[in-house]
Amino acid sequence: MRYAVLYFSVLISLLTPAHASSSDTLAKIRKTQTLTIGVRESPPFAFIGANGQGAGYAIDLCSKVADAIKKELKLPNLKVQFTPVDSSTRFSALLEDKIDLECGSTTNNAERRKKFDFTVPHFFSSVKALVRADSGIKNWNQFRNRTIVTTKSTTTVKLLADRNDINSLNIKLIEGNTDQDSFKMVEENKADAFPMDDVLLYSLRADSKNPANFAIVGDALSVEPYSIMMRKDEPGFKKIVDTEMLRIINDGEIYKIYDHWFMRPIPPKGSNMNMPMGFLLRDSLRFPTDQVGN
């Protein structure tokens, strides 16, 4: 019943008329005839391919959103531009109008919703830790007095800080500029563990030279819903994005896109994550909503 009420609330918001004049993004797109998508390097969700174009699971979803915007605004020559961002600049790029959508593996939480809007989640991950397979580390209580790395400006930073305070683990926490930098610190024995969303850890391990050298361990520290992010309080623009996401889900297209990126060999290295859709995402797609927990 709870999901049914949430689903109904989303449908009501989608059917409520939105005034285009309240949306600077729509005006900007009309004027420039360009939609700019921010791409944070986080395969299989998003990355810049060899041709300079965006690619990945979230990028495929955003490309369909771009087609919906082209149709809604009657802009047959709409250009889609992909702009690289990182874990910090993805936020400032939106606030400074350098990008219009951020498509990748960004968590939708209460703190971020104060400044940004999100659409229906396209993935749910849980926070675990990547360690060297010979480290002997199996769970969080073995992190005491260890050096732990995670990626700057991600939700995992606060999770680890809170856990360190609660359990008095005396963790030394360092930050990598990118997920790849954080992984490299574990690979080079500069850190004992790299806690992060499990799907990103599986992807980094699959793309490494020696995947068997690493293990992903620990009870789930939290559940992270990933959503496409956009500027806040632009109902006309958000309505187009939400409506297209609901169409992709209700028409079953999202399942095909998911299988392509998580169940088959994918670029840039031809690795196969072999990661079936989790029950949290599958259940959420039955009653899609942009209303998520904190």
C-alpha atoms as a PDB file:
ATOM      1  CA  MET A   1       0.000   0.000   0.000  1.00  0.00           C
ATOM      2  CA  ARG A   2       2.878   2.395   0.876  1.00  0.00           C
ATOM      3  CA  TYR A   3       4.379   1.992  -2.614  1.00  0.00           C
ATOM      4  CA  ALA A   4       0.966   2.444  -4.227  1.00  0.00           C
ATOM      5  CA  VAL A   5       0.493   5.760  -2.391  1.00  0.00           C
ATOM      6  CA  LEU A   6       3.977   6.935  -3.428  1.00  0.00           C
ATOM      7  CA  TYR A   7       3.360   5.923  -7.039  1.00  0.00           C
ATOM      8  CA  PHE A   8       0.070   7.818  -7.032  1.00  0.00           C
ATOM      9  CA  SER A   9       1.800  10.912  -5.643  1.00  0.00           C
ATOM     10  CA  VAL A  10       4.353  10.831  -8.447  1.00  0.00           C
ATOM     11  CA  LEU A  11       1.665  10.475 -11.090  1.00  0.00           C
ATOM     12  CA  ILE A  12      -0.197  13.442  -9.602  1.00  0.00           C
ATOM     13  CA  SER A  13       2.982  15.561  -9.723  1.00  0.00           C
ATOM     14  CA  LEU A  14       3.575  14.550 -13.326  1.00  0.00           C
ATOM     15  CA  LEU A  15       0.043  15.467 -14.357  1.00  0.00           C
ATOM     16  CA  THR A  16       0.146  18.845 -12.599  1.00  0.00           C
ATOM     17  CA  PRO A  17       0.671  21.616 -15.175  1.00  0.00           C
ATOM     18  CA  ALA A  18       4.156  23.119 -15.031  1.00  0.00           C
ATOM     19  CA  HIS A  19       4.846  26.588 -16.357  1.00  0.00           C
ATOM     20  CA  ALA A  20       7.747  26.621 -18.773  1.00  0.00           C
ATOM     21  CA  SER A  21       8.538  30.188 -17.731  1.00  0.00           C
ATOM     22  CA  SER A  22       9.571  28.882 -14.299  1.00  0.00           C
ATOM     23  CA  SER A  23      12.265  26.694 -15.842  1.00  0.00           C
ATOM     24  CA  ASP A  24      15.526  28.406 -16.751  1.00  0.00           C
ATOM     25  CA  THR A  25      16.871  25.083 -18.029  1.00  0.00           C
ATOM     26  CA  LEU A  26      14.146  24.742 -20.650  1.00  0.00           C
ATOM     27  CA  ALA A  27      14.732  28.323 -21.776  1.00  0.00           C
ATOM     28  CA  LYS A  28      18.473  27.676 -21.960  1.00  0.00           C
ATOM     29  CA  ILE A  29      17.951  24.520 -24.024  1.00  0.00           C
ATOM     30  CA  ARG A  30      15.603  26.317 -26.410  1.00  0.00           C
ATOM     31  CA  LYS A  31      18.085  29.157 -26.867  1.00  0.00           C
ATOM     32  CA  THR A  32      21.214  27.032 -27.350  1.00  0.00           C
ATOM     33  CA  GLN A  33      19.467  23.972 -28.848  1.00  0.00           C
ATOM     34  CA  THR A  34      21.877  21.962 -26.720  1.00  0.00           C
ATOM     35  CA  LEU A  35      21.382  19.624 -23.757  1.00  0.00           C
ATOM     36  CA  THR A  36      24.557  19.257 -21.680  1.00  0.00           C
ATOM     37  CA  ILE A  37      24.984  16.037 -19.719  1.00  0.00           C
ATOM     38  CA  GLY A  38      27.576  15.725 -16.964  1.00  0.00           C
ATOM     39  CA  VAL A  39      29.513  12.445 -17.013  1.00  0.00           C
ATOM     40  CA  ARG A  40      31.428  11.261 -13.946  1.00  0.00           C
ATOM     41  CA  GLU A  41      33.784   8.399 -14.764  1.00  0.00           C
ATOM     42  CA  SER A  42      32.034   5.485 -13.018  1.00  0.00           C
ATOM     43  CA  PRO A  43      31.609   2.456 -15.334  1.00  0.00           C
ATOM     44  CA  PRO A  44      29.259   0.771 -16.010  1.00  0.00           C
ATOM     45  CA  PHE A  45      27.005   3.738 -15.190  1.00  0.00           C
ATOM     46  CA  ALA A  46      28.849   6.453 -17.060  1.00  0.00           C
ATOM     47  CA  PHE A  47      32.141   7.121 -18.820  1.00  0.00           C
ATOM     48  CA  ILE A  48      33.521   8.962 -21.817  1.00  0.00           C
ATOM     49  CA  GLY A  49      34.181   6.537 -24.685  1.00  0.00           C
ATOM     50  CA  ALA A  50      37.047   6.575 -27.167  1.00  0.00           C
ATOM     51  CA  ASN A  51      34.889   8.651 -29.524  1.00  0.00           C
ATOM     52  CA  GLY A  52      34.460  11.369 -26.905  1.00  0.00           C
ATOM     53  CA  GLN A  53      30.794  10.506 -26.377  1.00  0.00           C
ATOM     54  CA  GLY A  54      29.182   9.447 -23.122  1.00  0.00           C
ATOM     55  CA  ALA A  55      28.395   5.770 -22.602  1.00  0.00           C
ATOM     56  CA  GLY A  56      27.031   3.545 -19.853  1.00  0.00           C
ATOM     57  CA  TYR A  57      23.826   2.374 -18.193  1.00  0.00           C
ATOM     58  CA  ALA A  58      22.822   5.815 -16.858  1.00  0.00           C
ATOM     59  CA  ILE A  59      23.934   7.510 -20.075  1.00  0.00           C
ATOM     60  CA  ASP A  60      21.618   5.249 -22.092  1.00  0.00           C
ATOM     61  CA  LEU A  61      18.746   6.339 -19.843  1.00  0.00           C
ATOM     62  CA  CYS A  62      19.702  10.006 -20.199  1.00  0.00           C
ATOM     63  CA  SER A  63      19.925   9.636 -23.977  1.00  0.00           C
ATOM     64  CA  LYS A  64      16.289   8.564 -23.988  1.00  0.00           C
ATOM     65  CA  VAL A  65      15.462  11.554 -21.790  1.00  0.00           C
ATOM     66  CA  ALA A  66      17.260  13.731 -24.354  1.00  0.00           C
ATOM     67  CA  ASP A  67      15.033  12.319 -27.097  1.00  0.00           C
ATOM     68  CA  ALA A  68      11.965  13.139 -24.988  1.00  0.00           C
ATOM     69  CA  ILE A  69      13.189  16.716 -24.497  1.00  0.00           C
ATOM     70  CA  LYS A  70      13.809  17.034 -28.242  1.00  0.00           C
ATOM     71  CA  LYS A  71      10.245  15.888 -28.934  1.00  0.00           C
ATOM     72  CA  GLU A  72       8.597  17.958 -26.180  1.00  0.00           C
ATOM     73  CA  LEU A  73      10.366  21.186 -27.153  1.00  0.00           C
ATOM     74  CA  LYS A  74      10.052  20.487 -30.893  1.00  0.00           C
ATOM     75  CA  LEU A  75      13.811  20.818 -31.424  1.00  0.00           C
ATOM     76  CA  PRO A  76      14.690  18.284 -34.167  1.00  0.00           C
ATOM     77  CA  ASN A  77      18.283  19.550 -34.260  1.00  0.00           C
ATOM     78  CA  LEU A  78      18.870  19.335 -30.507  1.00  0.00           C
ATOM     79  CA  LYS A  79      22.521  18.573 -29.760  1.00  0.00           C
ATOM     80  CA  VAL A  80      23.586  16.448 -26.800  1.00  0.00           C
ATOM     81  CA  GLN A  81      26.918  17.474 -25.322  1.00  0.00           C
ATOM     82  CA  PHE A  82      28.790  15.316 -22.798  1.00  0.00           C
ATOM     83  CA  THR A  83      30.914  17.166 -20.232  1.00  0.00           C
ATOM     84  CA  PRO A  84      33.286  15.348 -17.845  1.00  0.00           C
ATOM     85  CA  VAL A  85      32.722  16.021 -14.131  1.00  0.00           C
ATOM     86  CA  ASP A  86      34.145  14.416 -11.002  1.00  0.00           C
ATOM     87  CA  SER A  87      32.797  13.605  -7.540  1.00  0.00           C
ATOM     88  CA  SER A  88      33.056  17.281  -6.494  1.00  0.00           C
ATOM     89  CA  THR A  89      32.446  19.254  -9.690  1.00  0.00           C
ATOM     90  CA  ARG A  90      29.225  17.389 -10.571  1.00  0.00           C
ATOM     91  CA  PHE A  91      27.437  19.615  -8.032  1.00  0.00           C
ATOM     92  CA  SER A  92      29.022  22.954  -8.911  1.00  0.00           C
ATOM     93  CA  ALA A  93      28.592  22.221 -12.629  1.00  0.00           C
ATOM     94  CA  LEU A  94      24.814  22.009 -12.134  1.00  0.00           C
ATOM     95  CA  LEU A  95      24.617  25.079  -9.914  1.00  0.00           C
ATOM     96  CA  GLU A  96      26.699  27.096 -12.377  1.00  0.00           C
ATOM     97  CA  ASP A  97      24.615  25.977 -15.412  1.00  0.00           C
ATOM     98  CA  LYS A  98      27.596  24.187 -16.964  1.00  0.00           C
ATOM     99  CA  ILE A  99      25.523  20.995 -17.267  1.00  0.00           C
ATOM    100  CA  ASP A 100      21.756  20.352 -17.322  1.00  0.00           C
ATOM    101  CA  LEU A 101      21.663  16.752 -16.095  1.00  0.00           C
ATOM    102  CA  GLU A 102      24.142  14.646 -14.148  1.00  0.00           C
ATOM    103  CA  CYS A 103      23.868  11.028 -15.226  1.00  0.00           C
ATOM    104  CA  GLY A 104      25.767   8.310 -13.408  1.00  0.00           C
ATOM    105  CA  SER A 105      25.962   6.862  -9.919  1.00  0.00           C
ATOM    106  CA  THR A 106      24.900   9.792  -7.747  1.00  0.00           C
ATOM    107  CA  THR A 107      23.027   8.987  -4.543  1.00  0.00           C
ATOM    108  CA  ASN A 108      19.670  10.660  -3.922  1.00  0.00           C
ATOM    109  CA  ASN A 109      19.547  11.564  -0.219  1.00  0.00           C
ATOM    110  CA  ALA A 110      17.899  14.147   2.018  1.00  0.00           C
ATOM    111  CA  GLU A 111      20.966  16.391   2.287  1.00  0.00           C
ATOM    112  CA  ARG A 112      21.389  16.627  -1.489  1.00  0.00           C
ATOM    113  CA  ARG A 113      17.671  17.174  -2.051  1.00  0.00           C
ATOM    114  CA  LYS A 114      18.036  20.521  -0.260  1.00  0.00           C
ATOM    115  CA  LYS A 115      19.927  21.818  -3.301  1.00  0.00           C
ATOM    116  CA  PHE A 116      19.034  19.478  -6.178  1.00  0.00           C
ATOM    117  CA  ASP A 117      16.152  17.495  -7.661  1.00  0.00           C
ATOM    118  CA  PHE A 118      16.279  13.818  -8.612  1.00  0.00           C
ATOM    119  CA  THR A 119      14.137  11.570 -10.755  1.00  0.00           C
ATOM    120  CA  VAL A 120      13.102   7.928 -10.210  1.00  0.00           C
ATOM    121  CA  PRO A 121      16.073   5.796  -9.025  1.00  0.00           C
ATOM    122  CA  HIS A 122      17.687   3.583 -11.666  1.00  0.00           C
ATOM    123  CA  PHE A 123      19.802   1.547  -9.235  1.00  0.00           C
ATOM    124  CA  PHE A 124      20.152   0.593  -5.565  1.00  0.00           C
ATOM    125  CA  SER A 125      23.559  -0.290  -4.190  1.00  0.00           C
ATOM    126  CA  SER A 126      24.892  -1.123  -0.740  1.00  0.00           C
ATOM    127  CA  VAL A 127      28.134   0.100   0.783  1.00  0.00           C
ATOM    128  CA  LYS A 128      30.746  -2.616   1.296  1.00  0.00           C
ATOM    129  CA  ALA A 129      34.549  -2.601   1.278  1.00  0.00           C
ATOM    130  CA  LEU A 130      37.193  -3.677  -1.209  1.00  0.00           C
ATOM    131  CA  VAL A 131      40.284  -5.205   0.403  1.00  0.00           C
ATOM    132  CA  ARG A 132      43.253  -7.230  -0.743  1.00  0.00           C
ATOM    133  CA  ALA A 133      42.288 -10.896  -0.783  1.00  0.00           C
ATOM    134  CA  ASP A 134      45.193 -11.780   1.510  1.00  0.00           C
ATOM    135  CA  SER A 135      44.377  -9.083   4.093  1.00  0.00           C
ATOM    136  CA  GLY A 136      42.260 -11.295   6.327  1.00  0.00           C
ATOM    137  CA  ILE A 137      39.639  -8.543   6.620  1.00  0.00           C
ATOM    138  CA  LYS A 138      36.082  -9.890   6.504  1.00  0.00           C
ATOM    139  CA  ASN A 139      33.946  -7.243   8.228  1.00  0.00           C
ATOM    140  CA  TRP A 140      33.864  -3.716   9.656  1.00  0.00           C
ATOM    141  CA  ASN A 141      34.968  -4.648  13.178  1.00  0.00           C
ATOM    142  CA  GLN A 142      38.360  -5.571  11.712  1.00  0.00           C
ATOM    143  CA  PHE A 143      38.958  -1.988  10.543  1.00  0.00           C
ATOM    144  CA  ARG A 144      40.330  -0.928  13.940  1.00  0.00           C
ATOM    145  CA  ASN A 145      43.573   1.067  13.605  1.00  0.00           C
ATOM    146  CA  ARG A 146      43.527   0.611   9.820  1.00  0.00           C
ATOM    147  CA  THR A 147      44.046   3.137   7.022  1.00  0.00           C
ATOM    148  CA  ILE A 148      40.860   3.434   5.000  1.00  0.00           C
ATOM    149  CA  VAL A 149      40.434   5.283   1.710  1.00  0.00           C
ATOM    150  CA  THR A 150      37.260   6.493   0.091  1.00  0.00           C
ATOM    151  CA  THR A 151      36.451   8.977  -2.646  1.00  0.00           C
ATOM    152  CA  LYS A 152      36.160  12.702  -1.980  1.00  0.00           C
ATOM    153  CA  SER A 153      32.664  14.253  -1.818  1.00  0.00           C
ATOM    154  CA  THR A 154      30.825  10.912  -1.739  1.00  0.00           C
ATOM    155  CA  THR A 155      28.204   9.867   0.814  1.00  0.00           C
ATOM    156  CA  THR A 156      30.559   7.134   2.041  1.00  0.00           C
ATOM    157  CA  VAL A 157      32.818   9.719   3.694  1.00  0.00           C
ATOM    158  CA  LYS A 158      30.145  10.637   6.279  1.00  0.00           C
ATOM    159  CA  LEU A 159      29.109   6.997   6.767  1.00  0.00           C
ATOM    160  CA  LEU A 160      32.665   6.048   7.657  1.00  0.00           C
ATOM    161  CA  ALA A 161      33.168   9.053   9.908  1.00  0.00           C
ATOM    162  CA  ASP A 162      29.964   8.212  11.802  1.00  0.00           C
ATOM    163  CA  ARG A 163      30.907   4.547  12.153  1.00  0.00           C
ATOM    164  CA  ASN A 164      34.383   5.464  13.347  1.00  0.00           C
ATOM    165  CA  ASP A 165      32.902   7.736  16.040  1.00  0.00           C
ATOM    166  CA  ILE A 166      30.322   5.184  17.147  1.00  0.00           C
ATOM    167  CA  ASN A 167      32.624   2.174  17.345  1.00  0.00           C
ATOM    168  CA  SER A 168      35.837   4.004  18.322  1.00  0.00           C
ATOM    169  CA  LEU A 169      37.731   2.111  15.651  1.00  0.00           C
ATOM    170  CA  ASN A 170      40.552   4.676  15.440  1.00  0.00           C
ATOM    171  CA  ILE A 171      40.383   4.590  11.648  1.00  0.00           C
ATOM    172  CA  LYS A 172      42.760   6.777   9.666  1.00  0.00           C
ATOM    173  CA  LEU A 173      40.589   8.063   6.834  1.00  0.00           C
ATOM    174  CA  ILE A 174      42.143   9.351   3.613  1.00  0.00           C
ATOM    175  CA  GLU A 175      40.411  10.464   0.416  1.00  0.00           C
ATOM    176  CA  GLY A 176      41.068   9.778  -3.250  1.00  0.00           C
ATOM    177  CA  ASN A 177      40.140  12.338  -5.901  1.00  0.00           C
ATOM    178  CA  THR A 178      38.407   9.632  -7.980  1.00  0.00           C
ATOM    179  CA  ASP A 179      37.208   6.056  -7.475  1.00  0.00           C
ATOM    180  CA  GLN A 180      40.163   4.917  -9.577  1.00  0.00           C
ATOM    181  CA  ASP A 181      42.588   6.781  -7.273  1.00  0.00           C
ATOM    182  CA  SER A 182      41.028   5.163  -4.206  1.00  0.00           C
ATOM    183  CA  PHE A 183      41.278   1.689  -5.740  1.00  0.00           C
ATOM    184  CA  LYS A 184      44.914   2.300  -6.645  1.00  0.00           C
ATOM    185  CA  MET A 185      45.750   3.121  -3.013  1.00  0.00           C
ATOM    186  CA  VAL A 186      44.552  -0.341  -1.942  1.00  0.00           C
ATOM    187  CA  GLU A 187      46.317  -1.913  -4.911  1.00  0.00           C
ATOM    188  CA  GLU A 188      49.597  -0.226  -3.910  1.00  0.00           C
ATOM    189  CA  ASN A 189      49.219  -1.040  -0.173  1.00  0.00           C
ATOM    190  CA  LYS A 190      48.760   2.625   0.741  1.00  0.00           C
ATOM    191  CA  ALA A 191      45.366   1.792   2.282  1.00  0.00           C
ATOM    192  CA  ASP A 192      43.915  -1.349   3.841  1.00  0.00           C
ATOM    193  CA  ALA A 193      40.374  -0.983   2.497  1.00  0.00           C
ATOM    194  CA  PHE A 194      38.225   1.056   0.136  1.00  0.00           C
ATOM    195  CA  PRO A 195      34.578   1.260   1.267  1.00  0.00           C
ATOM    196  CA  MET A 196      32.228   2.350  -1.493  1.00  0.00           C
ATOM    197  CA  ASP A 197      29.017   1.323  -3.263  1.00  0.00           C
ATOM    198  CA  ASP A 198      29.357  -2.378  -4.021  1.00  0.00           C
ATOM    199  CA  VAL A 199      28.584  -2.120  -7.743  1.00  0.00           C
ATOM    200  CA  LEU A 200      31.429   0.344  -8.291  1.00  0.00           C
ATOM    201  CA  LEU A 201      33.799  -1.911  -6.385  1.00  0.00           C
ATOM    202  CA  TYR A 202      32.806  -4.905  -8.539  1.00  0.00           C
ATOM    203  CA  SER A 203      33.394  -2.823 -11.642  1.00  0.00           C
ATOM    204  CA  LEU A 204      36.827  -1.610 -10.513  1.00  0.00           C
ATOM    205  CA  ARG A 205      37.844  -5.142  -9.548  1.00  0.00           C
ATOM    206  CA  ALA A 206      36.632  -6.583 -12.860  1.00  0.00           C
ATOM    207  CA  ASP A 207      38.712  -4.012 -14.771  1.00  0.00           C
ATOM    208  CA  SER A 208      41.895  -4.542 -12.735  1.00  0.00           C
ATOM    209  CA  LYS A 209      44.915  -6.516 -13.945  1.00  0.00           C
ATOM    210  CA  ASN A 210      44.424  -9.219 -11.309  1.00  0.00           C
ATOM    211  CA  PRO A 211      40.797  -9.345 -10.059  1.00  0.00           C
ATOM    212  CA  ALA A 212      41.547 -12.398  -7.890  1.00  0.00           C
ATOM    213  CA  ASN A 213      43.839 -10.220  -5.759  1.00  0.00           C
ATOM    214  CA  PHE A 214      40.858  -8.361  -4.305  1.00  0.00           C
ATOM    215  CA  ALA A 215      37.786  -9.264  -2.237  1.00  0.00           C
ATOM    216  CA  ILE A 216      34.592  -7.314  -1.526  1.00  0.00           C
ATOM    217  CA  VAL A 217      33.558  -7.804   2.086  1.00  0.00           C
ATOM    218  CA  GLY A 218      31.419  -6.549   4.948  1.00  0.00           C
ATOM    219  CA  ASP A 219      27.781  -6.385   5.922  1.00  0.00           C
ATOM    220  CA  ALA A 220      25.851  -3.753   3.954  1.00  0.00           C
ATOM    221  CA  LEU A 221      26.621  -0.415   5.630  1.00  0.00           C
ATOM    222  CA  SER A 222      23.763   1.408   3.889  1.00  0.00           C
ATOM    223  CA  VAL A 223      21.508   1.298   0.836  1.00  0.00           C
ATOM    224  CA  GLU A 224      22.174   3.960  -1.800  1.00  0.00           C
ATOM    225  CA  PRO A 225      19.526   4.874  -4.432  1.00  0.00           C
ATOM    226  CA  TYR A 226      21.129   6.257  -7.614  1.00  0.00           C
ATOM    227  CA  SER A 227      19.173   8.835  -9.612  1.00  0.00           C
ATOM    228  CA  ILE A 228      19.648  11.336 -12.414  1.00  0.00           C
ATOM    229  CA  MET A 229      20.305  14.725 -10.787  1.00  0.00           C
ATOM    230  CA  MET A 230      19.156  18.158 -11.987  1.00  0.00           C
ATOM    231  CA  ARG A 231      18.750  21.704 -10.737  1.00  0.00           C
ATOM    232  CA  LYS A 232      16.143  22.246  -8.043  1.00  0.00           C
ATOM    233  CA  ASP A 233      12.717  23.878  -8.434  1.00  0.00           C
ATOM    234  CA  GLU A 234      12.364  23.624 -12.205  1.00  0.00           C
ATOM    235  CA  PRO A 235       9.053  21.739 -12.460  1.00  0.00           C
ATOM    236  CA  GLY A 236       8.719  21.998 -16.245  1.00  0.00           C
ATOM    237  CA  PHE A 237      12.086  20.370 -16.867  1.00  0.00           C
ATOM    238  CA  LYS A 238      11.672  17.772 -14.117  1.00  0.00           C
ATOM    239  CA  LYS A 239       8.262  16.792 -15.457  1.00  0.00           C
ATOM    240  CA  ILE A 240       9.779  15.841 -18.824  1.00  0.00           C
ATOM    241  CA  VAL A 241      12.551  13.825 -17.155  1.00  0.00           C
ATOM    242  CA  ASP A 242      10.168  12.029 -14.757  1.00  0.00           C
ATOM    243  CA  THR A 243       7.630  11.236 -17.473  1.00  0.00           C
ATOM    244  CA  GLU A 244      10.274   9.674 -19.712  1.00  0.00           C
ATOM    245  CA  MET A 245      11.750   7.640 -16.857  1.00  0.00           C
ATOM    246  CA  LEU A 246       8.281   6.263 -16.061  1.00  0.00           C
ATOM    247  CA  ARG A 247       7.818   5.381 -19.746  1.00  0.00           C
ATOM    248  CA  ILE A 248      11.177   3.571 -19.895  1.00  0.00           C
ATOM    249  CA  ILE A 249      10.224   1.570 -16.797  1.00  0.00           C
ATOM    250  CA  ASN A 250       6.610   0.819 -17.690  1.00  0.00           C
ATOM    251  CA  ASP A 251       7.537  -0.232 -21.259  1.00  0.00           C
ATOM    252  CA  GLY A 252      10.167  -2.615 -19.881  1.00  0.00           C
ATOM    253  CA  GLU A 253      13.052  -0.909 -21.688  1.00  0.00           C
ATOM    254  CA  ILE A 254      15.016  -0.482 -18.479  1.00  0.00           C
ATOM    255  CA  TYR A 255      15.418  -4.253 -18.101  1.00  0.00           C
ATOM    256  CA  LYS A 256      17.042  -4.574 -21.527  1.00  0.00           C
ATOM    257  CA  ILE A 257      19.359  -1.641 -20.836  1.00  0.00           C
ATOM    258  CA  TYR A 258      20.302  -3.146 -17.464  1.00  0.00           C
ATOM    259  CA  ASP A 259      21.105  -6.564 -18.937  1.00  0.00           C
ATOM    260  CA  HIS A 260      23.283  -4.963 -21.608  1.00  0.00           C
ATOM    261  CA  TRP A 261      25.507  -3.238 -19.042  1.00  0.00           C
ATOM    262  CA  PHE A 262      25.506  -5.682 -16.135  1.00  0.00           C
ATOM    263  CA  MET A 263      25.167  -9.130 -17.726  1.00  0.00           C
ATOM    264  CA  ARG A 264      27.354  -8.868 -20.851  1.00  0.00           C
ATOM    265  CA  PRO A 265      30.941  -7.880 -21.685  1.00  0.00           C
ATOM    266  CA  ILE A 266      31.134  -4.103 -21.847  1.00  0.00           C
ATOM    267  CA  PRO A 267      33.645  -1.416 -22.797  1.00  0.00           C
ATOM    268  CA  PRO A 268      36.145  -0.051 -22.108  1.00  0.00           C
ATOM    269  CA  LYS A 269      37.882  -3.374 -21.273  1.00  0.00           C
ATOM    270  CA  GLY A 270      35.311  -5.982 -22.273  1.00  0.00           C
ATOM    271  CA  SER A 271      34.756  -7.117 -18.675  1.00  0.00           C
ATOM    272  CA  ASN A 272      31.509  -8.774 -17.580  1.00  0.00           C
ATOM    273  CA  MET A 273      30.182  -7.848 -14.147  1.00  0.00           C
ATOM    274  CA  ASN A 274      27.669 -10.740 -14.253  1.00  0.00           C
ATOM    275  CA  MET A 275      25.452  -8.883 -11.779  1.00  0.00           C
ATOM    276  CA  PRO A 276      21.725  -9.747 -12.032  1.00  0.00           C
ATOM    277  CA  MET A 277      19.251  -7.008 -11.092  1.00  0.00           C
ATOM    278  CA  GLY A 278      18.882  -6.888  -7.311  1.00  0.00           C
ATOM    279  CA  PHE A 279      15.553  -7.354  -5.563  1.00  0.00           C
ATOM    280  CA  LEU A 280      15.475  -3.765  -4.271  1.00  0.00           C
ATOM    281  CA  LEU A 281      15.612  -2.311  -7.778  1.00  0.00           C
ATOM    282  CA  ARG A 282      13.271  -4.937  -9.244  1.00  0.00           C
ATOM    283  CA  ASP A 283      10.674  -4.298  -6.526  1.00  0.00           C
ATOM    284  CA  SER A 284      10.986  -0.518  -6.825  1.00  0.00           C
ATOM    285  CA  LEU A 285      10.303  -0.676 -10.568  1.00  0.00           C
ATOM    286  CA  ARG A 286       6.860  -2.125  -9.831  1.00  0.00           C
ATOM    287  CA  PHE A 287       5.857   1.177  -8.200  1.00  0.00           C
ATOM    288  CA  PRO A 288       8.359   3.770  -9.494  1.00  0.00           C
ATOM    289  CA  THR A 289       8.641   6.980  -7.490  1.00  0.00           C
ATOM    290  CA  ASP A 290      11.147   9.768  -6.907  1.00  0.00           C
ATOM    291  CA  GLN A 291      10.307   9.679  -3.199  1.00  0.00           C
ATOM    292  CA  VAL A 292      13.083   7.718  -1.482  1.00  0.00           C
ATOM    293  CA  GLY A 293      14.385   7.314   2.048  1.00  0.00           C
ATOM    294  CA  ASN A 294      17.194   9.381   3.511  1.00  0.00           C
END
